[in-house]
Amino acid sequence: MTRVREQTIGGYVQALASTSAVPGGGSAAALAAAMGAALVSMVAKLSAKKARTDEIRAALSGLVPELDQLADRLLELSQDDIDAYRAVIDARKSGTAGAALERAFERAAEVPLATASAAARGLALAAETARNAWDMTASDLAAGSELLQTGRDGALANVAINLPELRGEPAVRIERAYRELMAKS
């Protein structure tokens, strides 16, 4: 399968609509959040150009590098989610049990947890951007924020579905991080 970064949007949507288990909700959540971060970055860039003061321009421009890095990281996480869940599928098909299967499930929970965390950070940056956003970008900021929220929520749902499969320290660690992110919503 072609990597997410190299696919056309149409190709990705077709793969998502297929009967294959991957890509699935975790990958789509990360991709939605990546689009959200990219939109917020666009708003910050356009708003910086229209800023009334150098201080506002600098504040908005200062958000751009992290937003761009988040968009790129979330795009990577979209592919990581496919790879992680494919490992679970492969382990189940091959009859793998024990530590190897537990590790596959651990990774299948860690990736969407990272997605939810990155999307949550994107939401915080969107709120900072909103303070000085150019009025003409309001709909773009709203769309970006909604995509980040959707990505966060979808990723957390993927963590939750994998939590019952986890054991020991990974279960405790991932559930704690999951609950912390849920409490911030």
C-alpha atoms as a PDB file:
ATOM      1  CA  MET A   1       0.000   0.000   0.000  1.00  0.00           C
ATOM      2  CA  THR A   2       1.206   3.500  -0.819  1.00  0.00           C
ATOM      3  CA  ARG A   3       2.247   5.549   2.206  1.00  0.00           C
ATOM      4  CA  VAL A   4      -0.225   8.234   3.318  1.00  0.00           C
ATOM      5  CA  ARG A   5       2.165  11.083   2.466  1.00  0.00           C
ATOM      6  CA  GLU A   6       2.486   9.800  -1.109  1.00  0.00           C
ATOM      7  CA  GLN A   7      -1.190   9.084  -1.800  1.00  0.00           C
ATOM      8  CA  THR A   8      -3.630  11.318  -3.545  1.00  0.00           C
ATOM      9  CA  ILE A   9      -6.530  12.450  -1.419  1.00  0.00           C
ATOM     10  CA  GLY A  10      -8.847  10.439  -3.641  1.00  0.00           C
ATOM     11  CA  GLY A  11      -6.714   7.333  -3.267  1.00  0.00           C
ATOM     12  CA  TYR A  12      -6.665   7.649   0.499  1.00  0.00           C
ATOM     13  CA  VAL A  13     -10.438   8.132   0.680  1.00  0.00           C
ATOM     14  CA  GLN A  14     -10.942   5.078  -1.552  1.00  0.00           C
ATOM     15  CA  ALA A  15      -8.684   3.008   0.712  1.00  0.00           C
ATOM     16  CA  LEU A  16     -10.576   4.265   3.749  1.00  0.00           C
ATOM     17  CA  ALA A  17     -13.896   3.244   2.179  1.00  0.00           C
ATOM     18  CA  SER A  18     -12.667  -0.239   1.262  1.00  0.00           C
ATOM     19  CA  THR A  19     -13.262  -3.428   3.230  1.00  0.00           C
ATOM     20  CA  SER A  20      -9.664  -3.378   4.467  1.00  0.00           C
ATOM     21  CA  ALA A  21      -9.167  -2.678   8.177  1.00  0.00           C
ATOM     22  CA  VAL A  22      -6.404  -0.194   7.351  1.00  0.00           C
ATOM     23  CA  PRO A  23      -6.447   2.693   6.956  1.00  0.00           C
ATOM     24  CA  GLY A  24      -9.064   3.104   9.636  1.00  0.00           C
ATOM     25  CA  GLY A  25     -10.282   5.582  12.199  1.00  0.00           C
ATOM     26  CA  GLY A  26      -6.936   6.221  13.854  1.00  0.00           C
ATOM     27  CA  SER A  27      -5.251   7.073  10.574  1.00  0.00           C
ATOM     28  CA  ALA A  28      -8.184   9.243   9.511  1.00  0.00           C
ATOM     29  CA  ALA A  29      -8.170  11.032  12.882  1.00  0.00           C
ATOM     30  CA  ALA A  30      -4.479  11.869  12.490  1.00  0.00           C
ATOM     31  CA  LEU A  31      -5.009  13.069   8.929  1.00  0.00           C
ATOM     32  CA  ALA A  32      -7.946  15.259   9.992  1.00  0.00           C
ATOM     33  CA  ALA A  33      -5.809  16.787  12.738  1.00  0.00           C
ATOM     34  CA  ALA A  34      -2.943  17.333  10.264  1.00  0.00           C
ATOM     35  CA  MET A  35      -5.302  19.266   8.002  1.00  0.00           C
ATOM     36  CA  GLY A  36      -6.505  21.222  11.021  1.00  0.00           C
ATOM     37  CA  ALA A  37      -2.990  22.204  12.053  1.00  0.00           C
ATOM     38  CA  ALA A  38      -2.197  23.188   8.465  1.00  0.00           C
ATOM     39  CA  LEU A  39      -5.291  25.412   8.302  1.00  0.00           C
ATOM     40  CA  VAL A  40      -4.436  27.112  11.586  1.00  0.00           C
ATOM     41  CA  SER A  41      -0.916  27.669  10.257  1.00  0.00           C
ATOM     42  CA  MET A  42      -2.389  29.310   7.163  1.00  0.00           C
ATOM     43  CA  VAL A  43      -4.529  31.563   9.377  1.00  0.00           C
ATOM     44  CA  ALA A  44      -1.493  32.563  11.429  1.00  0.00           C
ATOM     45  CA  LYS A  45       0.503  33.355   8.273  1.00  0.00           C
ATOM     46  CA  LEU A  46      -2.259  35.383   6.636  1.00  0.00           C
ATOM     47  CA  SER A  47      -3.087  37.163   9.880  1.00  0.00           C
ATOM     48  CA  ALA A  48       0.592  38.054  10.408  1.00  0.00           C
ATOM     49  CA  LYS A  49       0.591  39.754   7.016  1.00  0.00           C
ATOM     50  CA  LYS A  50      -2.457  41.818   8.037  1.00  0.00           C
ATOM     51  CA  ALA A  51      -1.290  42.516  11.609  1.00  0.00           C
ATOM     52  CA  ARG A  52      -1.634  46.092  12.822  1.00  0.00           C
ATOM     53  CA  THR A  53       1.472  46.000  15.008  1.00  0.00           C
ATOM     54  CA  ASP A  54       4.910  44.421  14.904  1.00  0.00           C
ATOM     55  CA  GLU A  55       4.167  42.759  18.251  1.00  0.00           C
ATOM     56  CA  ILE A  56       1.068  40.990  16.873  1.00  0.00           C
ATOM     57  CA  ARG A  57       2.921  40.063  13.683  1.00  0.00           C
ATOM     58  CA  ALA A  58       5.745  38.528  15.731  1.00  0.00           C
ATOM     59  CA  ALA A  59       3.307  36.646  17.983  1.00  0.00           C
ATOM     60  CA  LEU A  60       1.486  35.123  15.023  1.00  0.00           C
ATOM     61  CA  SER A  61       4.669  34.362  13.092  1.00  0.00           C
ATOM     62  CA  GLY A  62       6.072  32.704  16.196  1.00  0.00           C
ATOM     63  CA  LEU A  63       3.251  30.123  16.139  1.00  0.00           C
ATOM     64  CA  VAL A  64       3.866  29.050  12.552  1.00  0.00           C
ATOM     65  CA  PRO A  65       6.903  26.768  12.982  1.00  0.00           C
ATOM     66  CA  GLU A  66       5.224  24.661  15.665  1.00  0.00           C
ATOM     67  CA  LEU A  67       1.969  24.480  13.699  1.00  0.00           C
ATOM     68  CA  ASP A  68       3.844  23.352  10.593  1.00  0.00           C
ATOM     69  CA  GLN A  69       5.772  20.756  12.619  1.00  0.00           C
ATOM     70  CA  LEU A  70       2.512  19.501  14.149  1.00  0.00           C
ATOM     71  CA  ALA A  71       0.907  19.151  10.720  1.00  0.00           C
ATOM     72  CA  ASP A  72       3.905  17.155   9.516  1.00  0.00           C
ATOM     73  CA  ARG A  73       3.993  14.994  12.669  1.00  0.00           C
ATOM     74  CA  LEU A  74       0.270  14.266  12.440  1.00  0.00           C
ATOM     75  CA  LEU A  75       0.695  13.223   8.819  1.00  0.00           C
ATOM     76  CA  GLU A  76       3.398  10.787   9.971  1.00  0.00           C
ATOM     77  CA  LEU A  77       1.095   9.516  12.717  1.00  0.00           C
ATOM     78  CA  SER A  78      -1.560   8.780  10.099  1.00  0.00           C
ATOM     79  CA  GLN A  79       0.855   6.311   8.512  1.00  0.00           C
ATOM     80  CA  ASP A  80       2.113   5.079  11.899  1.00  0.00           C
ATOM     81  CA  ASP A  81      -1.453   4.179  12.833  1.00  0.00           C
ATOM     82  CA  ILE A  82      -1.821   2.073   9.692  1.00  0.00           C
ATOM     83  CA  ASP A  83       1.449   0.306  10.444  1.00  0.00           C
ATOM     84  CA  ALA A  84       0.577  -0.259  14.110  1.00  0.00           C
ATOM     85  CA  TYR A  85      -2.828  -1.734  13.464  1.00  0.00           C
ATOM     86  CA  ARG A  86      -1.520  -3.811  10.560  1.00  0.00           C
ATOM     87  CA  ALA A  87       0.918  -5.369  13.059  1.00  0.00           C
ATOM     88  CA  VAL A  88      -2.033  -6.307  15.295  1.00  0.00           C
ATOM     89  CA  ILE A  89      -3.844  -7.877  12.338  1.00  0.00           C
ATOM     90  CA  ASP A  90      -0.737  -9.761  11.250  1.00  0.00           C
ATOM     91  CA  ALA A  91      -0.077 -11.023  14.783  1.00  0.00           C
ATOM     92  CA  ARG A  92      -3.635 -12.281  15.125  1.00  0.00           C
ATOM     93  CA  LYS A  93      -3.591 -13.981  11.701  1.00  0.00           C
ATOM     94  CA  SER A  94      -0.330 -15.742  12.457  1.00  0.00           C
ATOM     95  CA  GLY A  95      -1.577 -16.920  15.836  1.00  0.00           C
ATOM     96  CA  THR A  96       1.026 -14.877  17.687  1.00  0.00           C
ATOM     97  CA  ALA A  97       0.289 -14.633  21.392  1.00  0.00           C
ATOM     98  CA  GLY A  98       1.959 -13.429  24.553  1.00  0.00           C
ATOM     99  CA  ALA A  99       4.468 -10.608  24.608  1.00  0.00           C
ATOM    100  CA  ALA A 100       4.540 -10.095  20.833  1.00  0.00           C
ATOM    101  CA  LEU A 101       0.773  -9.586  20.612  1.00  0.00           C
ATOM    102  CA  GLU A 102       0.790  -7.409  23.731  1.00  0.00           C
ATOM    103  CA  ARG A 103       3.490  -5.221  22.171  1.00  0.00           C
ATOM    104  CA  ALA A 104       1.433  -4.879  18.976  1.00  0.00           C
ATOM    105  CA  PHE A 105      -1.572  -3.723  20.993  1.00  0.00           C
ATOM    106  CA  GLU A 106       0.620  -1.392  23.029  1.00  0.00           C
ATOM    107  CA  ARG A 107       1.821   0.281  19.829  1.00  0.00           C
ATOM    108  CA  ALA A 108      -1.772   0.382  18.509  1.00  0.00           C
ATOM    109  CA  ALA A 109      -2.669   2.416  21.619  1.00  0.00           C
ATOM    110  CA  GLU A 110       0.484   4.555  21.740  1.00  0.00           C
ATOM    111  CA  VAL A 111       0.110   5.919  18.216  1.00  0.00           C
ATOM    112  CA  PRO A 112      -3.407   7.337  18.644  1.00  0.00           C
ATOM    113  CA  LEU A 113      -2.369   8.615  22.078  1.00  0.00           C
ATOM    114  CA  ALA A 114       0.406  10.579  20.360  1.00  0.00           C
ATOM    115  CA  THR A 115      -2.131  11.785  17.800  1.00  0.00           C
ATOM    116  CA  ALA A 116      -4.527  12.972  20.509  1.00  0.00           C
ATOM    117  CA  SER A 117      -1.696  14.754  22.300  1.00  0.00           C
ATOM    118  CA  ALA A 118      -0.515  16.497  19.129  1.00  0.00           C
ATOM    119  CA  ALA A 119      -4.077  17.486  18.222  1.00  0.00           C
ATOM    120  CA  ALA A 120      -4.610  18.872  21.727  1.00  0.00           C
ATOM    121  CA  ARG A 121      -1.489  20.989  21.316  1.00  0.00           C
ATOM    122  CA  GLY A 122      -2.816  22.152  17.957  1.00  0.00           C
ATOM    123  CA  LEU A 123      -6.046  23.228  19.650  1.00  0.00           C
ATOM    124  CA  ALA A 124      -4.062  25.278  22.161  1.00  0.00           C
ATOM    125  CA  LEU A 125      -2.167  26.938  19.316  1.00  0.00           C
ATOM    126  CA  ALA A 126      -5.455  27.598  17.505  1.00  0.00           C
ATOM    127  CA  ALA A 127      -6.714  29.426  20.599  1.00  0.00           C
ATOM    128  CA  GLU A 128      -3.538  31.523  20.641  1.00  0.00           C
ATOM    129  CA  THR A 129      -3.935  32.244  16.937  1.00  0.00           C
ATOM    130  CA  ALA A 130      -7.570  33.263  17.449  1.00  0.00           C
ATOM    131  CA  ARG A 131      -6.529  36.150  19.722  1.00  0.00           C
ATOM    132  CA  ASN A 132      -5.064  38.041  16.773  1.00  0.00           C
ATOM    133  CA  ALA A 133      -6.554  36.342  13.732  1.00  0.00           C
ATOM    134  CA  TRP A 134      -7.562  38.435  10.757  1.00  0.00           C
ATOM    135  CA  ASP A 135     -11.371  38.582  10.542  1.00  0.00           C
ATOM    136  CA  MET A 136     -11.392  37.227   6.985  1.00  0.00           C
ATOM    137  CA  THR A 137      -9.839  33.956   8.210  1.00  0.00           C
ATOM    138  CA  ALA A 138     -12.519  33.206  10.814  1.00  0.00           C
ATOM    139  CA  SER A 139     -14.052  30.338   8.832  1.00  0.00           C
ATOM    140  CA  ASP A 140     -10.627  28.807   8.168  1.00  0.00           C
ATOM    141  CA  LEU A 141      -9.772  29.024  11.861  1.00  0.00           C
ATOM    142  CA  ALA A 142     -13.105  27.432  12.755  1.00  0.00           C
ATOM    143  CA  ALA A 143     -12.593  24.614  10.248  1.00  0.00           C
ATOM    144  CA  GLY A 144      -9.022  24.042  11.447  1.00  0.00           C
ATOM    145  CA  SER A 145     -10.118  23.951  15.080  1.00  0.00           C
ATOM    146  CA  GLU A 146     -12.936  21.512  14.320  1.00  0.00           C
ATOM    147  CA  LEU A 147     -10.583  19.233  12.399  1.00  0.00           C
ATOM    148  CA  LEU A 148      -8.146  19.270  15.316  1.00  0.00           C
ATOM    149  CA  GLN A 149     -10.972  18.488  17.746  1.00  0.00           C
ATOM    150  CA  THR A 150     -12.243  15.681  15.536  1.00  0.00           C
ATOM    151  CA  GLY A 151      -8.746  14.263  15.231  1.00  0.00           C
ATOM    152  CA  ARG A 152      -8.263  14.418  18.981  1.00  0.00           C
ATOM    153  CA  ASP A 153     -11.595  12.768  19.745  1.00  0.00           C
ATOM    154  CA  GLY A 154     -11.182  10.084  17.088  1.00  0.00           C
ATOM    155  CA  ALA A 155      -7.691   9.272  18.309  1.00  0.00           C
ATOM    156  CA  LEU A 156      -8.877   9.004  21.911  1.00  0.00           C
ATOM    157  CA  ALA A 157     -11.608   6.585  20.788  1.00  0.00           C
ATOM    158  CA  ASN A 158      -8.873   4.433  19.245  1.00  0.00           C
ATOM    159  CA  VAL A 159      -6.882   4.482  22.461  1.00  0.00           C
ATOM    160  CA  ALA A 160      -9.998   3.447  24.403  1.00  0.00           C
ATOM    161  CA  ILE A 161     -10.722   0.497  22.122  1.00  0.00           C
ATOM    162  CA  ASN A 162      -7.191  -0.833  22.645  1.00  0.00           C
ATOM    163  CA  LEU A 163      -6.956  -0.283  26.427  1.00  0.00           C
ATOM    164  CA  PRO A 164      -8.647  -3.598  27.368  1.00  0.00           C
ATOM    165  CA  GLU A 165      -5.943  -5.472  25.438  1.00  0.00           C
ATOM    166  CA  LEU A 166      -3.093  -3.951  27.455  1.00  0.00           C
ATOM    167  CA  ARG A 167      -1.448  -5.445  30.533  1.00  0.00           C
ATOM    168  CA  GLY A 168       0.980  -4.327  33.219  1.00  0.00           C
ATOM    169  CA  GLU A 169       2.981  -1.112  33.043  1.00  0.00           C
ATOM    170  CA  PRO A 170       1.897  -0.221  29.474  1.00  0.00           C
ATOM    171  CA  ALA A 171      -1.759  -0.443  30.536  1.00  0.00           C
ATOM    172  CA  VAL A 172      -1.193   1.831  33.540  1.00  0.00           C
ATOM    173  CA  ARG A 173       0.922   4.350  31.606  1.00  0.00           C
ATOM    174  CA  ILE A 174      -1.332   4.591  28.576  1.00  0.00           C
ATOM    175  CA  GLU A 175      -4.556   4.696  30.597  1.00  0.00           C
ATOM    176  CA  ARG A 176      -3.155   7.495  32.787  1.00  0.00           C
ATOM    177  CA  ALA A 177      -2.198   9.558  29.729  1.00  0.00           C
ATOM    178  CA  TYR A 178      -5.571   8.806  28.134  1.00  0.00           C
ATOM    179  CA  ARG A 179      -7.454  10.000  31.240  1.00  0.00           C
ATOM    180  CA  GLU A 180      -5.356  13.178  31.394  1.00  0.00           C
ATOM    181  CA  LEU A 181      -6.212  14.024  27.795  1.00  0.00           C
ATOM    182  CA  MET A 182      -9.887  13.206  28.360  1.00  0.00           C
ATOM    183  CA  ALA A 183      -9.961  15.525  31.386  1.00  0.00           C
ATOM    184  CA  LYS A 184      -8.729  18.420  29.245  1.00  0.00           C
ATOM    185  CA  SER A 185     -11.622  18.208  26.794  1.00  0.00           C
END
